[in-house]
Amino acid sequence: MAGLCETGFAFCLGKGNLATGYKAALWYLAFALICTLSMFLLTKASKTIPLGTAYPVWTGIGAVGTVIIGILFFKEPVSFWRLFFIFTLIASIVGLKSVH
């Protein structure tokens, strides 16, 4: 859940950068709230999972989710190599979690 929140706060940051005025302020407020929730959930996870596993899995989920959000919502480029490295990142996340 913490990793998904990281994707959520990255989405809010992207939307805030595209907005102006009060709409931008609302996106940045959502960014701050979701960021806080993400950190809280990461803290909770690190109490049951070793930090050396929890943190890389959190950042990995956030990174993969943010790339997907960028492609779907912000028209970022899709290329073979970009997808290749995303899949290697996913394999690394699964590997880290499975050897924990």
N, C-alpha and C. Protein backbone atom coordinates (compact mmCIF):
# COMPACT_ATOMS: atom_id res chain seq x y z
N MET A 1 0.83 -1.20 0.00
CA MET A 1 0.00 0.00 0.00
C MET A 1 0.87 1.26 0.00
N ALA A 2 1.99 1.22 0.73
CA ALA A 2 2.87 2.38 0.78
C ALA A 2 3.42 2.70 -0.62
N GLY A 3 3.77 1.66 -1.37
CA GLY A 3 4.28 1.85 -2.73
C GLY A 3 3.22 2.42 -3.66
N LEU A 4 1.98 1.96 -3.49
CA LEU A 4 0.90 2.50 -4.31
C LEU A 4 0.65 3.97 -3.97
N CYS A 5 0.79 4.31 -2.69
CA CYS A 5 0.65 5.72 -2.29
C CYS A 5 1.76 6.56 -2.92
N GLU A 6 2.97 5.97 -3.05
CA GLU A 6 4.05 6.70 -3.69
C GLU A 6 3.69 7.02 -5.14
N THR A 7 3.08 6.06 -5.82
CA THR A 7 2.61 6.31 -7.17
C THR A 7 1.55 7.41 -7.17
N GLY A 8 0.67 7.36 -6.18
CA GLY A 8 -0.38 8.38 -6.07
C GLY A 8 0.18 9.77 -5.85
N PHE A 9 1.19 9.90 -4.98
CA PHE A 9 1.70 11.25 -4.76
C PHE A 9 2.50 11.74 -5.97
N ALA A 10 3.12 10.83 -6.72
CA ALA A 10 3.80 11.26 -7.95
C ALA A 10 2.77 11.74 -8.98
N PHE A 11 1.63 11.07 -9.06
CA PHE A 11 0.56 11.50 -9.95
C PHE A 11 0.08 12.90 -9.58
N CYS A 12 -0.13 13.13 -8.29
CA CYS A 12 -0.57 14.45 -7.83
C CYS A 12 0.46 15.53 -8.16
N LEU A 13 1.73 15.19 -8.03
CA LEU A 13 2.78 16.14 -8.36
C LEU A 13 2.73 16.49 -9.85
N GLY A 14 2.56 15.47 -10.69
CA GLY A 14 2.46 15.72 -12.13
C GLY A 14 1.25 16.57 -12.49
N LYS A 15 0.10 16.27 -11.89
CA LYS A 15 -1.10 17.07 -12.15
C LYS A 15 -0.95 18.49 -11.63
N GLY A 16 -0.32 18.63 -10.46
CA GLY A 16 -0.09 19.96 -9.91
C GLY A 16 0.80 20.81 -10.81
N ASN A 17 1.79 20.17 -11.42
CA ASN A 17 2.68 20.90 -12.32
C ASN A 17 1.97 21.37 -13.58
N LEU A 18 0.90 20.69 -13.96
CA LEU A 18 0.14 21.08 -15.15
C LEU A 18 -0.98 22.08 -14.84
N ALA A 19 -1.36 22.18 -13.58
CA ALA A 19 -2.48 23.05 -13.19
C ALA A 19 -1.97 24.43 -12.78
N THR A 20 -2.91 25.33 -12.62
CA THR A 20 -2.59 26.68 -12.15
C THR A 20 -3.59 27.07 -11.06
N GLY A 21 -3.23 28.09 -10.30
CA GLY A 21 -4.12 28.65 -9.31
C GLY A 21 -4.52 27.67 -8.23
N TYR A 22 -5.80 27.75 -7.83
CA TYR A 22 -6.27 26.92 -6.73
C TYR A 22 -6.25 25.43 -7.07
N LYS A 23 -6.41 25.09 -8.36
CA LYS A 23 -6.36 23.68 -8.75
C LYS A 23 -4.97 23.10 -8.49
N ALA A 24 -3.96 23.88 -8.79
CA ALA A 24 -2.59 23.43 -8.50
C ALA A 24 -2.41 23.25 -7.00
N ALA A 25 -2.92 24.20 -6.23
CA ALA A 25 -2.80 24.12 -4.77
C ALA A 25 -3.49 22.87 -4.23
N LEU A 26 -4.64 22.51 -4.80
CA LEU A 26 -5.34 21.29 -4.37
C LEU A 26 -4.54 20.04 -4.70
N TRP A 27 -3.94 20.02 -5.90
CA TRP A 27 -3.10 18.87 -6.26
C TRP A 27 -1.90 18.77 -5.33
N TYR A 28 -1.29 19.89 -4.98
CA TYR A 28 -0.13 19.86 -4.09
C TYR A 28 -0.54 19.49 -2.66
N LEU A 29 -1.72 19.87 -2.25
CA LEU A 29 -2.23 19.44 -0.94
C LEU A 29 -2.44 17.93 -0.93
N ALA A 30 -3.04 17.41 -2.01
CA ALA A 30 -3.23 15.96 -2.12
C ALA A 30 -1.87 15.26 -2.13
N PHE A 31 -0.88 15.86 -2.81
CA PHE A 31 0.48 15.31 -2.82
C PHE A 31 1.01 15.18 -1.39
N ALA A 32 0.88 16.25 -0.61
CA ALA A 32 1.40 16.25 0.76
C ALA A 32 0.69 15.21 1.63
N LEU A 33 -0.62 15.10 1.48
CA LEU A 33 -1.38 14.13 2.28
C LEU A 33 -1.02 12.69 1.92
N ILE A 34 -0.96 12.41 0.63
CA ILE A 34 -0.65 11.05 0.20
C ILE A 34 0.80 10.71 0.51
N CYS A 35 1.69 11.68 0.40
CA CYS A 35 3.09 11.46 0.76
C CYS A 35 3.21 11.09 2.24
N THR A 36 2.49 11.81 3.07
CA THR A 36 2.49 11.53 4.51
C THR A 36 1.95 10.12 4.78
N LEU A 37 0.86 9.77 4.12
CA LEU A 37 0.29 8.43 4.28
C LEU A 37 1.29 7.36 3.81
N SER A 38 1.96 7.61 2.71
CA SER A 38 2.93 6.67 2.19
C SER A 38 4.07 6.44 3.19
N MET A 39 4.58 7.52 3.78
CA MET A 39 5.65 7.40 4.77
C MET A 39 5.16 6.65 6.02
N PHE A 40 3.95 6.93 6.43
CA PHE A 40 3.36 6.23 7.59
C PHE A 40 3.28 4.73 7.31
N LEU A 41 2.78 4.38 6.13
CA LEU A 41 2.64 2.97 5.78
C LEU A 41 4.00 2.29 5.63
N LEU A 42 4.98 3.01 5.09
CA LEU A 42 6.34 2.46 5.00
C LEU A 42 6.89 2.19 6.40
N THR A 43 6.65 3.10 7.32
CA THR A 43 7.10 2.91 8.70
C THR A 43 6.45 1.67 9.31
N LYS A 44 5.15 1.50 9.08
CA LYS A 44 4.44 0.31 9.59
C LYS A 44 5.02 -0.97 8.96
N ALA A 45 5.26 -0.93 7.67
CA ALA A 45 5.79 -2.12 6.98
C ALA A 45 7.17 -2.49 7.50
N SER A 46 7.99 -1.47 7.81
CA SER A 46 9.36 -1.75 8.25
C SER A 46 9.41 -2.34 9.66
N LYS A 47 8.27 -2.37 10.34
CA LYS A 47 8.23 -3.02 11.65
C LYS A 47 8.07 -4.54 11.52
N THR A 48 7.58 -5.01 10.36
CA THR A 48 7.40 -6.44 10.16
C THR A 48 8.30 -7.00 9.05
N ILE A 49 8.80 -6.15 8.19
CA ILE A 49 9.69 -6.54 7.10
C ILE A 49 11.01 -5.81 7.32
N PRO A 50 12.15 -6.46 7.09
CA PRO A 50 13.42 -5.75 7.26
C PRO A 50 13.46 -4.48 6.39
N LEU A 51 14.01 -3.42 6.94
CA LEU A 51 14.08 -2.14 6.22
C LEU A 51 14.79 -2.29 4.88
N GLY A 52 15.81 -3.14 4.83
CA GLY A 52 16.54 -3.38 3.59
C GLY A 52 15.69 -4.03 2.51
N THR A 53 14.55 -4.59 2.88
CA THR A 53 13.59 -5.11 1.92
C THR A 53 12.45 -4.11 1.72
N ALA A 54 11.93 -3.59 2.81
CA ALA A 54 10.75 -2.70 2.74
C ALA A 54 11.02 -1.47 1.88
N TYR A 55 12.15 -0.82 2.11
CA TYR A 55 12.43 0.42 1.38
C TYR A 55 12.62 0.19 -0.12
N PRO A 56 13.45 -0.78 -0.55
CA PRO A 56 13.58 -1.00 -1.99
C PRO A 56 12.27 -1.44 -2.65
N VAL A 57 11.47 -2.25 -1.96
CA VAL A 57 10.19 -2.66 -2.53
C VAL A 57 9.27 -1.45 -2.66
N TRP A 58 9.26 -0.58 -1.64
CA TRP A 58 8.45 0.65 -1.67
C TRP A 58 8.85 1.53 -2.85
N THR A 59 10.15 1.78 -2.98
CA THR A 59 10.60 2.64 -4.08
C THR A 59 10.39 1.98 -5.43
N GLY A 60 10.56 0.65 -5.48
CA GLY A 60 10.36 -0.05 -6.74
C GLY A 60 8.92 0.00 -7.22
N ILE A 61 8.00 -0.26 -6.29
CA ILE A 61 6.57 -0.16 -6.64
C ILE A 61 6.25 1.25 -7.09
N GLY A 62 6.77 2.22 -6.36
CA GLY A 62 6.54 3.62 -6.73
C GLY A 62 7.12 3.96 -8.09
N ALA A 63 8.32 3.47 -8.38
CA ALA A 63 8.96 3.74 -9.66
C ALA A 63 8.18 3.12 -10.82
N VAL A 64 7.83 1.86 -10.68
CA VAL A 64 7.07 1.18 -11.73
C VAL A 64 5.71 1.86 -11.93
N GLY A 65 5.03 2.12 -10.83
CA GLY A 65 3.73 2.78 -10.93
C GLY A 65 3.81 4.16 -11.54
N THR A 66 4.86 4.89 -11.20
CA THR A 66 5.02 6.24 -11.73
C THR A 66 5.30 6.21 -13.23
N VAL A 67 6.07 5.25 -13.69
CA VAL A 67 6.31 5.13 -15.14
C VAL A 67 5.00 4.80 -15.85
N ILE A 68 4.23 3.89 -15.28
CA ILE A 68 2.93 3.54 -15.89
C ILE A 68 2.00 4.75 -15.91
N ILE A 69 1.95 5.48 -14.81
CA ILE A 69 1.12 6.70 -14.75
C ILE A 69 1.59 7.71 -15.79
N GLY A 70 2.91 7.86 -15.92
CA GLY A 70 3.46 8.79 -16.91
C GLY A 70 3.05 8.42 -18.32
N ILE A 71 3.09 7.14 -18.62
CA ILE A 71 2.71 6.68 -19.96
C ILE A 71 1.21 6.87 -20.19
N LEU A 72 0.40 6.49 -19.22
CA LEU A 72 -1.06 6.53 -19.40
C LEU A 72 -1.66 7.92 -19.32
N PHE A 73 -1.13 8.77 -18.42
CA PHE A 73 -1.79 10.05 -18.16
C PHE A 73 -1.00 11.27 -18.64
N PHE A 74 0.31 11.13 -18.81
CA PHE A 74 1.12 12.30 -19.16
C PHE A 74 1.81 12.15 -20.52
N LYS A 75 1.39 11.14 -21.28
CA LYS A 75 1.87 10.92 -22.64
C LYS A 75 3.39 10.82 -22.74
N GLU A 76 3.99 10.17 -21.76
CA GLU A 76 5.43 9.94 -21.80
C GLU A 76 5.72 8.82 -22.80
N PRO A 77 6.92 8.81 -23.36
CA PRO A 77 7.22 7.84 -24.42
C PRO A 77 7.26 6.39 -23.92
N VAL A 78 6.90 5.50 -24.83
CA VAL A 78 6.99 4.06 -24.58
C VAL A 78 7.99 3.51 -25.59
N SER A 79 9.01 2.82 -25.10
CA SER A 79 9.98 2.20 -25.98
C SER A 79 10.30 0.81 -25.46
N PHE A 80 10.91 0.02 -26.32
CA PHE A 80 11.29 -1.33 -25.92
C PHE A 80 12.18 -1.28 -24.68
N TRP A 81 13.21 -0.44 -24.70
CA TRP A 81 14.16 -0.42 -23.59
C TRP A 81 13.53 0.09 -22.30
N ARG A 82 12.65 1.04 -22.41
CA ARG A 82 11.97 1.53 -21.22
C ARG A 82 11.15 0.41 -20.58
N LEU A 83 10.40 -0.30 -21.39
CA LEU A 83 9.60 -1.42 -20.88
C LEU A 83 10.49 -2.56 -20.38
N PHE A 84 11.58 -2.82 -21.08
CA PHE A 84 12.52 -3.86 -20.65
C PHE A 84 13.03 -3.59 -19.24
N PHE A 85 13.45 -2.35 -19.00
CA PHE A 85 14.00 -2.04 -17.68
C PHE A 85 12.92 -1.98 -16.60
N ILE A 86 11.71 -1.61 -16.96
CA ILE A 86 10.61 -1.68 -15.99
C ILE A 86 10.37 -3.12 -15.58
N PHE A 87 10.38 -4.03 -16.56
CA PHE A 87 10.17 -5.44 -16.23
C PHE A 87 11.32 -6.01 -15.40
N THR A 88 12.54 -5.56 -15.65
CA THR A 88 13.65 -6.02 -14.81
C THR A 88 13.51 -5.47 -13.39
N LEU A 89 12.98 -4.26 -13.27
CA LEU A 89 12.74 -3.70 -11.94
C LEU A 89 11.67 -4.49 -11.20
N ILE A 90 10.61 -4.86 -11.91
CA ILE A 90 9.56 -5.68 -11.30
C ILE A 90 10.14 -7.02 -10.85
N ALA A 91 10.96 -7.64 -11.68
CA ALA A 91 11.58 -8.91 -11.30
C ALA A 91 12.45 -8.73 -10.06
N SER A 92 13.14 -7.60 -9.96
CA SER A 92 13.97 -7.35 -8.79
C SER A 92 13.13 -7.16 -7.53
N ILE A 93 12.01 -6.48 -7.65
CA ILE A 93 11.11 -6.28 -6.51
C ILE A 93 10.59 -7.64 -6.02
N VAL A 94 10.13 -8.45 -6.94
CA VAL A 94 9.62 -9.78 -6.58
C VAL A 94 10.74 -10.60 -5.96
N GLY A 95 11.93 -10.52 -6.53
CA GLY A 95 13.06 -11.27 -5.98
C GLY A 95 13.41 -10.83 -4.57
N LEU A 96 13.47 -9.54 -4.33
CA LEU A 96 13.78 -9.04 -2.98
C LEU A 96 12.75 -9.51 -1.97
N LYS A 97 11.49 -9.41 -2.34
CA LYS A 97 10.43 -9.81 -1.43
C LYS A 97 10.45 -11.31 -1.18
N SER A 98 10.76 -12.08 -2.21
CA SER A 98 10.72 -13.53 -2.04
C SER A 98 11.88 -14.09 -1.23
N VAL A 99 13.02 -13.39 -1.17
CA VAL A 99 14.15 -13.88 -0.40
C VAL A 99 14.18 -13.29 1.00
N HIS A 100 13.25 -12.41 1.31
CA HIS A 100 13.18 -11.77 2.64
C HIS A 100 13.02 -12.76 3.71
